[in-house]
Amino acid sequence: AFMDVMPQGPGHTLVVPKAQSRNLLDADPAVFGPLFAVVQKVALAVKKAFGADGVTILQFNEPASGQTVYHLHVHVIPRFQGIPLKPHSGQMEKPEVLTENADKIRTELGS
């Protein structure tokens, strides 16, 4: 897992399996159990690290769905009541902010 460099909110994390596949539609089903076990672990850590009210899990398949990166990955985004998700603007976050956010998540993963 690693931080999305163009986050839709603080703590926006990507979980990527090691096995190469274009997206969920092309992946070996054996990947899903381990992948979503990690997604759940990261989601719990992200929620706690940012004091979020909830977590959005996103996954896109093919251009019509909004897929722009052609490797299976899952977005984990902490959410806060009444605050809309920022659009995926293409604006990169400052590296120091990403590092700070990653450290918060890493701390929760270790506890």
Protein backbone atom coordinates (compact mmCIF):
# COMPACT_ATOMS: atom_id res chain seq x y z
CA ALA A 1 0.00 0.00 0.00
CA PHE A 2 1.12 3.57 -0.64
CA MET A 3 -0.27 7.09 -0.72
CA ASP A 4 -2.11 8.37 -3.79
CA VAL A 5 0.00 11.30 -5.04
CA MET A 6 -3.17 13.04 -6.27
CA PRO A 7 -5.40 12.37 -3.25
CA GLN A 8 -9.12 12.99 -3.11
CA GLY A 9 -8.74 13.60 0.62
CA PRO A 10 -6.13 13.31 3.39
CA GLY A 11 -5.03 9.71 3.84
CA HIS A 12 -6.10 8.52 0.35
CA THR A 13 -4.20 5.25 0.05
CA LEU A 14 -3.80 2.74 -2.78
CA VAL A 15 -3.60 -1.00 -2.20
CA VAL A 16 -1.99 -2.90 -5.08
CA PRO A 17 -1.48 -6.66 -5.38
CA LYS A 18 1.94 -7.89 -6.48
CA ALA A 19 0.44 -10.07 -9.23
CA GLN A 20 0.08 -8.12 -12.47
CA SER A 21 -3.38 -7.72 -13.96
CA ARG A 22 -4.99 -4.93 -15.95
CA ASN A 23 -7.92 -4.66 -13.53
CA LEU A 24 -10.34 -6.73 -11.46
CA LEU A 25 -11.89 -8.23 -14.60
CA ASP A 26 -8.57 -9.74 -15.70
CA ALA A 27 -7.23 -10.79 -12.29
CA ASP A 28 -6.84 -14.33 -11.04
CA PRO A 29 -9.63 -14.80 -8.46
CA ALA A 30 -7.03 -16.19 -6.04
CA VAL A 31 -5.75 -12.60 -5.67
CA PHE A 32 -9.01 -11.27 -4.21
CA GLY A 33 -8.87 -12.87 -0.75
CA PRO A 34 -5.38 -11.63 0.14
CA LEU A 35 -5.98 -8.26 -1.59
CA PHE A 36 -9.17 -7.48 0.31
CA ALA A 37 -7.68 -8.69 3.60
CA VAL A 38 -5.07 -5.95 3.13
CA VAL A 39 -7.72 -3.44 1.99
CA GLN A 40 -9.63 -4.07 5.23
CA LYS A 41 -6.47 -3.73 7.35
CA VAL A 42 -5.53 -0.46 5.63
CA ALA A 43 -9.12 0.85 5.85
CA LEU A 44 -9.20 0.28 9.61
CA ALA A 45 -5.81 1.99 10.02
CA VAL A 46 -6.77 4.94 7.80
CA LYS A 47 -10.07 5.43 9.64
CA LYS A 48 -8.32 5.49 13.01
CA ALA A 49 -5.29 7.53 11.85
CA PHE A 50 -7.46 10.36 10.53
CA GLY A 51 -10.39 10.11 12.95
CA ALA A 52 -12.67 9.50 9.98
CA ASP A 53 -16.39 8.81 10.21
CA GLY A 54 -16.19 6.22 7.44
CA VAL A 55 -14.09 4.92 4.56
CA THR A 56 -14.79 4.86 0.82
CA ILE A 57 -13.38 1.92 -1.14
CA LEU A 58 -13.13 2.49 -4.92
CA GLN A 59 -11.95 0.27 -7.76
CA PHE A 60 -12.27 1.12 -11.48
CA ASN A 61 -12.40 -1.26 -14.47
CA GLU A 62 -11.89 -0.04 -18.05
CA PRO A 63 -11.98 3.54 -19.37
CA ALA A 64 -15.78 3.90 -19.20
CA SER A 65 -15.56 3.46 -15.41
CA GLY A 66 -12.81 6.04 -15.02
CA GLN A 67 -9.83 3.66 -15.00
CA THR A 68 -6.67 5.53 -16.03
CA VAL A 69 -3.99 3.32 -14.45
CA TYR A 70 -3.95 -0.16 -15.95
CA HIS A 71 -2.89 -2.25 -12.98
CA LEU A 72 -5.40 -3.60 -10.46
CA HIS A 73 -5.52 -1.28 -7.45
CA VAL A 74 -8.01 -0.31 -4.77
CA HIS A 75 -8.51 3.22 -3.42
CA VAL A 76 -9.00 3.55 0.36
CA ILE A 77 -10.21 7.05 1.27
CA PRO A 78 -11.12 8.25 4.78
CA ARG A 79 -14.44 10.12 4.81
CA PHE A 80 -15.95 12.72 7.08
CA GLN A 81 -19.65 13.42 7.58
CA GLY A 82 -20.78 16.34 5.41
CA ILE A 83 -17.48 16.71 3.53
CA PRO A 84 -17.64 15.70 -0.15
CA LEU A 85 -14.90 13.74 -1.84
CA LYS A 86 -12.53 16.01 -3.77
CA PRO A 87 -12.38 15.34 -7.51
CA HIS A 88 -9.32 13.53 -8.85
CA SER A 89 -7.89 16.81 -10.12
CA GLY A 90 -4.44 15.77 -11.24
CA GLN A 91 -2.91 18.14 -8.69
CA MET A 92 -0.09 16.43 -6.84
CA GLU A 93 0.10 16.66 -3.05
CA LYS A 94 3.29 17.98 -1.44
CA PRO A 95 5.69 15.10 -0.67
CA GLU A 96 6.02 16.17 2.97
CA VAL A 97 2.23 15.96 3.42
CA LEU A 98 2.17 12.48 1.87
CA THR A 99 5.00 11.39 4.17
CA GLU A 100 3.21 12.76 7.23
CA ASN A 101 -0.01 10.98 6.23
CA ALA A 102 1.83 7.72 5.54
CA ASP A 103 3.49 7.92 8.96
CA LYS A 104 0.07 8.27 10.65
CA ILE A 105 -1.22 5.19 8.84
CA ARG A 106 1.98 3.23 9.49
CA THR A 107 1.64 3.97 13.21
CA GLU A 108 -1.90 2.55 13.25
CA LEU A 109 -0.85 -0.51 11.25
CA GLY A 110 1.80 -1.22 13.86
CA SER A 111 -0.56 -0.98 16.82
